[in-house]
Amino acid sequence: MDGYLVFHSPFTARAALSTRITGVVAVSACVTDLSTDGGKVPSEILLVPAGRFRARDGRPEEVDAWRMDEALAARAIAFAEAAAGDFVIDYEHQTLNSQANGRPAPAAGWFKRLEWREGEGLFAVDVRWTERARQAISAGEYRYISPVFEWDRRTGEVLAVLMAALTNFPAIDGHSDLAARAAARFHTTPREEDDTVNREQLIALLGLEADASDEQIIGAIEALNAKARTLEEKETEIAALKAAAQSAPDPAKYVPVTAFEALKSEVAGLRAERLKSEVAALVAEGLETGKLVPSQEEWATQLGEQDIDALRVYLENTPAIAALRGTQTGGQAPEGDGENLGETEMAVCRQLGLDPETYRKAAETH
């Protein structure tokens, strides 16, 4: 009677020290006929029939038949509910064969919830098919379900359903080979205990000394459990972060790109208007103070729009020309009446020692 141990968190130290007398098998007889009615694909499939049953290739050899009843179904249902994820339905048991043949093992569907129906058997009642599998079933390319289950080799009792496959003629797998491949993929809860323990193999797997005590073995297993729980917590955190990254952004923290671009354009426009206004004010002040002549107005405006600081520096460092400040008469009519000289002209004559009449006549000739 060959058994195997599956070390997967969580499990108890006592259970890990026990050898289970179980096997894993793919049933080679038709369990569920998926023939469709008008193209409808079933969401419920029979996995294990009620009562005693055998495969068409003569299995099981250790007992006269496999067996499934309500009590065994309750245990299988509890196992499924405790499992972390869904159970796969693949094509032709490729999940178990992928390591040997190197081919991919795409899923045809998934299930999680099991239900016992008296007189019929154990059903998967929430099957979610992939689109490819749905089309294949509707087209009649696949008709049957072949389950993979764990069973007690001493009694034939079915202990848990591990997966299933779409098939038209289910493959026949040897017990030991299939058990090894399934044990590497599925977490199963220990159910049967025996007094004979492969202690040496367990100690070697835990990396302990050959004379390790039970306390040391239990401590090593508990340490593995703690590491496994930490890993599961990290995986949960990573999954949460990925989900948050893929979810819609919070409107209170983010704005759409289009709104952001429109806002940038509006701000740029306001800045341009403000710049023009400041440049116009500087140029007007330059003309008013005599630091700019009218012919410089266009140049000064262009300079300011390109670099307003450069215009400010120019105006700060350019001396004012008094004769260019505003109007020389302060907005009043020029002094004099055309014949008599004004006060300014008389002042010029006095400074230059000119006769006012001579100055007036000279001015008229020019």
Protein backbone atom coordinates (compact mmCIF):
# COMPACT_ATOMS: atom_id res chain seq x y z
CA MET A 1 0.00 0.00 0.00
CA ASP A 2 1.79 3.09 -1.25
CA GLY A 3 0.94 6.46 0.28
CA TYR A 4 2.25 9.97 -0.01
CA LEU A 5 2.59 13.11 2.11
CA VAL A 6 1.65 16.56 0.84
CA PHE A 7 3.33 19.37 2.83
CA HIS A 8 1.22 22.46 2.33
CA SER A 9 0.18 25.11 4.81
CA PRO A 10 -1.88 24.92 6.89
CA PHE A 11 -1.66 21.45 8.47
CA THR A 12 -1.00 20.09 11.94
CA ALA A 13 2.27 18.65 13.13
CA ARG A 14 0.57 15.43 14.20
CA ALA A 15 -1.01 14.97 10.78
CA ALA A 16 2.29 15.65 9.05
CA LEU A 17 3.85 12.81 11.02
CA SER A 18 1.26 10.37 9.68
CA THR A 19 1.25 8.35 6.49
CA ARG A 20 -1.98 8.36 4.52
CA ILE A 21 -3.03 5.19 2.81
CA THR A 22 -4.59 6.95 -0.16
CA GLY A 23 -4.37 7.16 -3.92
CA VAL A 24 -5.35 9.58 -6.66
CA VAL A 25 -7.06 8.34 -9.76
CA ALA A 26 -8.69 9.56 -12.96
CA VAL A 27 -11.88 7.57 -13.54
CA SER A 28 -11.88 6.12 -17.02
CA ALA A 29 -15.62 5.54 -17.18
CA CYS A 30 -18.16 8.07 -18.39
CA VAL A 31 -19.56 10.02 -15.44
CA THR A 32 -21.43 12.91 -17.08
CA ASP A 33 -22.75 13.08 -20.63
CA LEU A 34 -22.54 16.68 -21.81
CA SER A 35 -24.77 16.23 -24.84
CA THR A 36 -26.46 19.58 -25.20
CA ASP A 37 -30.11 20.40 -25.66
CA GLY A 38 -30.39 23.12 -28.27
CA GLY A 39 -26.81 24.24 -27.70
CA LYS A 40 -27.22 24.80 -23.95
CA VAL A 41 -24.09 23.99 -21.93
CA PRO A 42 -24.70 22.60 -18.42
CA SER A 43 -23.51 24.53 -15.36
CA GLU A 44 -23.93 21.44 -13.15
CA ILE A 45 -22.02 18.19 -13.72
CA LEU A 46 -21.94 14.85 -11.92
CA LEU A 47 -18.41 14.17 -10.66
CA VAL A 48 -18.75 11.01 -8.54
CA PRO A 49 -21.73 8.61 -8.77
CA ALA A 50 -23.54 7.46 -5.64
CA GLY A 51 -22.91 3.98 -4.31
CA ARG A 52 -20.26 1.51 -5.47
CA PHE A 53 -18.62 1.89 -8.89
CA ARG A 54 -15.62 0.74 -10.91
CA ALA A 55 -13.72 1.98 -13.97
CA ARG A 56 -14.07 0.18 -17.26
CA ASP A 57 -10.35 -0.65 -17.30
CA GLY A 58 -10.73 -2.85 -14.21
CA ARG A 59 -9.73 -0.42 -11.48
CA PRO A 60 -9.56 -0.35 -8.54
CA GLU A 61 -7.33 -3.36 -7.97
CA GLU A 62 -6.83 -2.93 -4.22
CA VAL A 63 -10.55 -3.17 -3.36
CA ASP A 64 -13.63 -4.47 -5.09
CA ALA A 65 -15.02 -0.96 -5.84
CA TRP A 66 -14.84 2.71 -5.10
CA ARG A 67 -17.59 4.03 -2.85
CA MET A 68 -19.41 7.34 -2.38
CA ASP A 69 -22.26 8.05 0.03
CA GLU A 70 -23.73 11.04 1.85
CA ALA A 71 -21.22 10.97 4.73
CA LEU A 72 -18.25 10.74 2.36
CA ALA A 73 -19.76 13.50 0.22
CA ALA A 74 -19.99 15.78 3.27
CA ARG A 75 -16.27 15.29 3.84
CA ALA A 76 -15.48 16.00 0.18
CA ILE A 77 -17.67 19.12 0.26
CA ALA A 78 -15.89 20.39 3.38
CA PHE A 79 -12.54 19.83 1.69
CA ALA A 80 -13.65 21.87 -1.35
CA GLU A 81 -14.97 24.69 0.84
CA ALA A 82 -11.68 24.86 2.75
CA ALA A 83 -9.56 25.00 -0.41
CA ALA A 84 -8.07 28.38 -1.21
CA GLY A 85 -9.03 28.49 -4.89
CA ASP A 86 -11.24 26.95 -7.55
CA PHE A 87 -10.85 23.47 -9.04
CA VAL A 88 -9.91 23.18 -12.69
CA ILE A 89 -11.58 21.30 -15.52
CA ASP A 90 -9.01 20.79 -18.26
CA TYR A 91 -8.76 18.86 -21.53
CA GLU A 92 -7.83 15.15 -21.40
CA HIS A 93 -6.12 15.48 -17.97
CA GLN A 94 -3.36 17.64 -19.48
CA THR A 95 -2.78 19.37 -16.14
CA LEU A 96 -1.41 16.07 -14.82
CA ASN A 97 0.52 15.35 -18.01
CA SER A 98 2.05 18.78 -18.71
CA GLN A 99 5.31 18.16 -16.85
CA ALA A 100 5.86 14.90 -18.72
CA ASN A 101 5.00 16.08 -22.26
CA GLY A 102 5.88 19.77 -21.93
CA ARG A 103 2.60 20.94 -23.45
CA PRO A 104 0.39 23.71 -22.02
CA ALA A 105 -2.63 22.77 -19.93
CA PRO A 106 -5.36 25.34 -20.65
CA ALA A 107 -8.45 25.34 -18.50
CA ALA A 108 -11.80 24.38 -19.96
CA GLY A 109 -13.66 25.55 -16.90
CA TRP A 110 -13.65 25.98 -13.12
CA PHE A 111 -15.81 24.88 -10.20
CA LYS A 112 -15.86 25.35 -6.43
CA ARG A 113 -19.23 24.38 -4.93
CA LEU A 114 -20.16 20.72 -4.55
CA GLU A 115 -23.57 19.27 -3.72
CA TRP A 116 -24.70 15.76 -2.75
CA ARG A 117 -27.86 14.45 -4.38
CA GLU A 118 -29.16 11.25 -2.89
CA GLY A 119 -29.35 8.41 -5.38
CA GLU A 120 -27.33 10.35 -7.96
CA GLY A 121 -23.99 11.38 -6.54
CA LEU A 122 -21.68 14.33 -5.94
CA PHE A 123 -22.22 17.29 -8.30
CA ALA A 124 -20.28 20.44 -9.13
CA VAL A 125 -23.05 23.04 -9.24
CA ASP A 126 -21.24 26.25 -10.23
CA VAL A 127 -19.28 25.29 -13.34
CA ARG A 128 -17.91 28.27 -15.29
CA TRP A 129 -16.80 27.19 -18.76
CA THR A 130 -14.31 29.08 -20.88
CA GLU A 131 -15.64 30.35 -24.20
CA ARG A 132 -13.53 27.82 -26.09
CA ALA A 133 -14.87 24.93 -24.03
CA ARG A 134 -18.44 26.20 -24.31
CA GLN A 135 -18.18 26.23 -28.10
CA ALA A 136 -16.58 22.77 -28.17
CA ILE A 137 -19.34 21.29 -25.97
CA SER A 138 -22.09 22.98 -27.98
CA ALA A 139 -20.57 21.61 -31.19
CA GLY A 140 -20.43 18.09 -29.73
CA GLU A 141 -16.62 17.98 -29.83
CA TYR A 142 -16.52 16.94 -26.15
CA ARG A 143 -19.21 14.94 -24.37
CA TYR A 144 -17.89 13.44 -21.17
CA ILE A 145 -16.44 14.43 -17.80
CA SER A 146 -13.68 12.39 -16.18
CA PRO A 147 -12.99 13.29 -12.52
CA VAL A 148 -9.72 12.99 -10.60
CA PHE A 149 -10.32 12.06 -6.96
CA GLU A 150 -8.45 10.92 -3.87
CA TRP A 151 -9.53 7.62 -2.33
CA ASP A 152 -8.67 5.27 0.53
CA ARG A 153 -6.93 2.18 -0.81
CA ARG A 154 -8.07 0.09 2.13
CA THR A 155 -11.79 0.84 1.88
CA GLY A 156 -12.36 2.32 -1.58
CA GLU A 157 -13.93 5.42 -0.02
CA VAL A 158 -13.73 8.57 -2.14
CA LEU A 159 -12.17 11.28 0.05
CA ALA A 160 -11.95 14.37 -2.14
CA VAL A 161 -12.39 15.57 -5.72
CA LEU A 162 -9.25 17.28 -7.00
CA MET A 163 -10.13 18.21 -10.59
CA ALA A 164 -11.88 16.94 -13.72
CA ALA A 165 -11.33 16.80 -17.45
CA LEU A 166 -13.29 17.08 -20.67
CA THR A 167 -12.78 13.89 -22.64
CA ASN A 168 -14.30 11.58 -25.20
CA PHE A 169 -12.30 8.51 -24.16
CA PRO A 170 -10.63 9.16 -20.79
CA ALA A 171 -6.99 8.21 -20.47
CA ILE A 172 -5.92 5.37 -18.16
CA ASP A 173 -3.22 6.51 -15.74
CA GLY A 174 -1.22 4.33 -13.42
CA HIS A 175 -1.92 4.86 -9.75
CA SER A 176 1.54 5.78 -8.52
CA ASP A 177 2.38 8.10 -11.43
CA LEU A 178 -0.91 9.94 -11.27
CA ALA A 179 -0.76 10.18 -7.50
CA ALA A 180 2.67 11.79 -7.64
CA ARG A 181 1.61 14.33 -10.24
CA ALA A 182 -1.60 15.22 -8.45
CA ALA A 183 0.12 15.48 -5.07
CA ALA A 184 2.46 18.11 -6.51
CA ARG A 185 -0.46 20.33 -7.50
CA PHE A 186 -3.22 20.03 -4.92
CA HIS A 187 -3.54 20.78 -1.22
CA THR A 188 -5.29 17.89 0.52
CA THR A 189 -6.24 17.58 4.17
CA PRO A 190 -4.91 14.45 5.94
CA ARG A 191 -7.73 12.07 6.79
CA GLU A 192 -6.39 8.65 7.66
CA GLU A 193 -3.58 8.04 10.14
CA ASP A 194 -1.41 4.99 10.68
CA ASP A 195 1.08 3.99 13.38
CA THR A 196 3.82 3.35 10.80
CA VAL A 197 5.65 6.62 10.05
CA ASN A 198 8.37 7.09 7.44
CA ARG A 199 10.31 9.05 9.99
CA GLU A 200 13.63 9.06 8.16
CA GLN A 201 12.13 10.56 5.00
CA LEU A 202 10.29 13.23 7.01
CA ILE A 203 13.45 14.19 8.90
CA ALA A 204 15.40 14.41 5.64
CA LEU A 205 12.74 16.62 4.05
CA LEU A 206 12.87 18.96 7.04
CA GLY A 207 16.67 19.14 6.90
CA LEU A 208 17.13 17.86 10.45
CA GLU A 209 19.72 15.56 11.97
CA ALA A 210 19.01 11.84 11.68
CA ASP A 211 18.42 11.54 15.45
CA ALA A 212 16.00 14.51 15.63
CA SER A 213 13.37 14.26 18.35
CA ASP A 214 9.62 14.59 17.90
CA GLU A 215 9.80 18.07 19.43
CA GLN A 216 12.42 19.12 16.87
CA ILE A 217 10.35 17.72 14.02
CA ILE A 218 7.21 19.47 15.23
CA GLY A 219 9.16 22.73 15.70
CA ALA A 220 10.52 22.55 12.15
CA ILE A 221 7.03 21.95 10.75
CA GLU A 222 5.63 24.87 12.76
CA ALA A 223 8.42 27.09 11.41
CA LEU A 224 7.45 26.05 7.89
CA ASN A 225 3.84 26.88 8.69
CA ALA A 226 4.84 30.35 9.90
CA LYS A 227 6.83 31.02 6.73
CA ALA A 228 3.95 29.79 4.60
CA ARG A 229 1.50 32.08 6.40
CA THR A 230 3.85 35.04 5.89
CA LEU A 231 4.10 34.21 2.20
CA GLU A 232 0.31 33.98 1.89
CA GLU A 233 -0.05 37.36 3.60
CA LYS A 234 2.45 38.93 1.19
CA GLU A 235 0.66 37.40 -1.77
CA THR A 236 -2.62 38.84 -0.47
CA GLU A 237 -1.03 42.28 -0.14
CA ILE A 238 0.40 42.09 -3.64
CA ALA A 239 -2.97 41.04 -5.06
CA ALA A 240 -4.66 43.96 -3.26
CA LEU A 241 -2.10 46.42 -4.63
CA LYS A 242 -2.55 45.08 -8.15
CA ALA A 243 -6.33 45.35 -7.84
CA ALA A 244 -6.02 48.92 -6.57
CA ALA A 245 -3.72 49.83 -9.44
CA GLN A 246 -6.16 48.42 -11.98
CA SER A 247 -9.25 50.02 -10.44
CA ALA A 248 -10.73 53.34 -11.52
CA PRO A 249 -8.88 56.42 -10.13
CA ASP A 250 -10.39 58.43 -7.27
CA PRO A 251 -12.09 61.53 -8.79
CA ALA A 252 -11.13 63.46 -5.65
CA LYS A 253 -7.43 62.86 -6.33
CA TYR A 254 -7.21 62.78 -10.11
CA VAL A 255 -8.64 64.73 -13.06
CA PRO A 256 -9.12 63.50 -16.64
CA VAL A 257 -6.27 64.23 -19.05
CA THR A 258 -8.60 66.27 -21.28
CA ALA A 259 -9.58 68.51 -18.37
CA PHE A 260 -5.94 68.91 -17.37
CA GLU A 261 -4.91 69.90 -20.90
CA ALA A 262 -7.79 72.38 -21.15
CA LEU A 263 -6.76 73.91 -17.83
CA LYS A 264 -3.15 74.23 -19.03
CA SER A 265 -4.33 76.03 -22.19
CA GLU A 266 -6.48 78.39 -20.14
CA VAL A 267 -3.62 79.21 -17.76
CA ALA A 268 -1.25 79.77 -20.69
CA GLY A 269 -3.76 82.15 -22.27
CA LEU A 270 -4.15 84.10 -19.04
CA ARG A 271 -0.38 84.35 -18.66
CA ALA A 272 -0.02 85.64 -22.24
CA GLU A 273 -2.69 88.30 -21.66
CA ARG A 274 -1.06 89.36 -18.41
CA LEU A 275 2.34 89.60 -20.14
CA LYS A 276 0.95 91.77 -22.92
CA SER A 277 -0.65 94.06 -20.36
CA GLU A 278 2.58 94.41 -18.36
CA VAL A 279 4.65 95.05 -21.51
CA ALA A 280 2.19 97.69 -22.74
CA ALA A 281 2.38 99.44 -19.38
CA LEU A 282 6.20 99.44 -19.40
CA VAL A 283 6.36 100.77 -22.97
CA ALA A 284 3.82 103.51 -22.21
CA GLU A 285 5.82 104.51 -19.13
CA GLY A 286 9.04 104.56 -21.20
CA LEU A 287 7.49 106.88 -23.75
CA GLU A 288 6.04 109.07 -21.03
CA THR A 289 9.35 109.40 -19.16
CA GLY A 290 11.42 109.99 -22.27
CA LYS A 291 13.33 106.70 -22.01
CA LEU A 292 11.82 105.56 -25.31
CA VAL A 293 11.18 107.45 -28.53
CA PRO A 294 8.10 106.65 -30.61
CA SER A 295 10.21 104.82 -33.18
CA GLN A 296 11.28 102.37 -30.44
CA GLU A 297 7.75 101.45 -29.41
CA GLU A 298 7.40 98.36 -31.64
CA TRP A 299 10.90 97.13 -30.80
CA ALA A 300 10.35 97.57 -27.07
CA THR A 301 7.01 95.73 -27.27
CA GLN A 302 8.57 92.72 -29.06
CA LEU A 303 11.47 92.64 -26.59
CA GLY A 304 9.09 92.68 -23.64
CA GLU A 305 6.91 89.87 -25.02
CA GLN A 306 10.00 87.71 -25.54
CA ASP A 307 11.78 88.65 -22.29
CA ILE A 308 10.04 91.17 -20.05
CA ASP A 309 12.96 91.18 -17.61
CA ALA A 310 15.28 92.35 -20.42
CA LEU A 311 12.90 95.24 -21.17
CA ARG A 312 12.84 96.22 -17.49
CA VAL A 313 16.66 96.22 -17.35
CA TYR A 314 16.84 98.39 -20.49
CA LEU A 315 14.39 100.96 -19.13
CA GLU A 316 16.08 101.04 -15.72
CA ASN A 317 19.49 101.73 -17.25
CA THR A 318 18.43 104.18 -20.02
CA PRO A 319 18.55 107.91 -19.06
CA ALA A 320 15.42 109.94 -19.64
CA ILE A 321 15.54 112.69 -22.30
CA ALA A 322 13.85 115.72 -20.79
CA ALA A 323 12.84 117.10 -24.16
CA LEU A 324 10.93 113.88 -24.83
CA ARG A 325 8.86 113.85 -21.64
CA GLY A 326 5.25 114.28 -22.55
CA THR A 327 4.41 117.61 -24.26
CA GLN A 328 6.74 120.53 -23.74
CA THR A 329 3.82 122.94 -23.24
CA GLY A 330 2.09 120.66 -20.71
CA GLY A 331 -0.93 120.40 -22.94
CA GLN A 332 -1.26 124.25 -23.25
CA ALA A 333 -1.06 126.32 -26.43
CA PRO A 334 2.49 127.47 -27.27
CA GLU A 335 3.54 130.78 -25.72
CA GLY A 336 3.45 133.90 -27.92
CA ASP A 337 0.98 134.90 -30.54
CA GLY A 338 3.13 134.41 -33.62
CA GLU A 339 4.35 138.04 -33.55
CA ASN A 340 5.39 138.48 -29.94
CA LEU A 341 7.86 136.02 -28.39
CA GLY A 342 6.90 133.95 -25.42
CA GLU A 343 8.75 133.82 -22.11
CA THR A 344 10.80 130.79 -23.16
CA GLU A 345 11.88 132.48 -26.41
CA MET A 346 12.72 135.69 -24.60
CA ALA A 347 14.83 133.68 -22.15
CA VAL A 348 16.74 132.16 -25.09
CA CYS A 349 17.35 135.61 -26.57
CA ARG A 350 18.67 136.92 -23.23
CA GLN A 351 21.01 133.95 -22.85
CA LEU A 352 22.35 134.30 -26.40
CA GLY A 353 22.41 138.12 -26.45
CA LEU A 354 20.05 138.25 -29.42
CA ASP A 355 17.62 140.98 -30.32
CA PRO A 356 14.10 139.55 -29.85
CA GLU A 357 12.87 140.98 -33.14
CA THR A 358 15.85 139.59 -35.00
CA TYR A 359 15.20 136.17 -33.39
CA ARG A 360 11.50 136.31 -34.35
CA LYS A 361 12.26 137.18 -37.99
CA ALA A 362 14.91 134.47 -38.20
CA ALA A 363 12.46 131.95 -36.82
CA GLU A 364 9.80 133.00 -39.34
CA THR A 365 12.20 132.50 -42.29
CA HIS A 366 12.76 128.96 -41.13
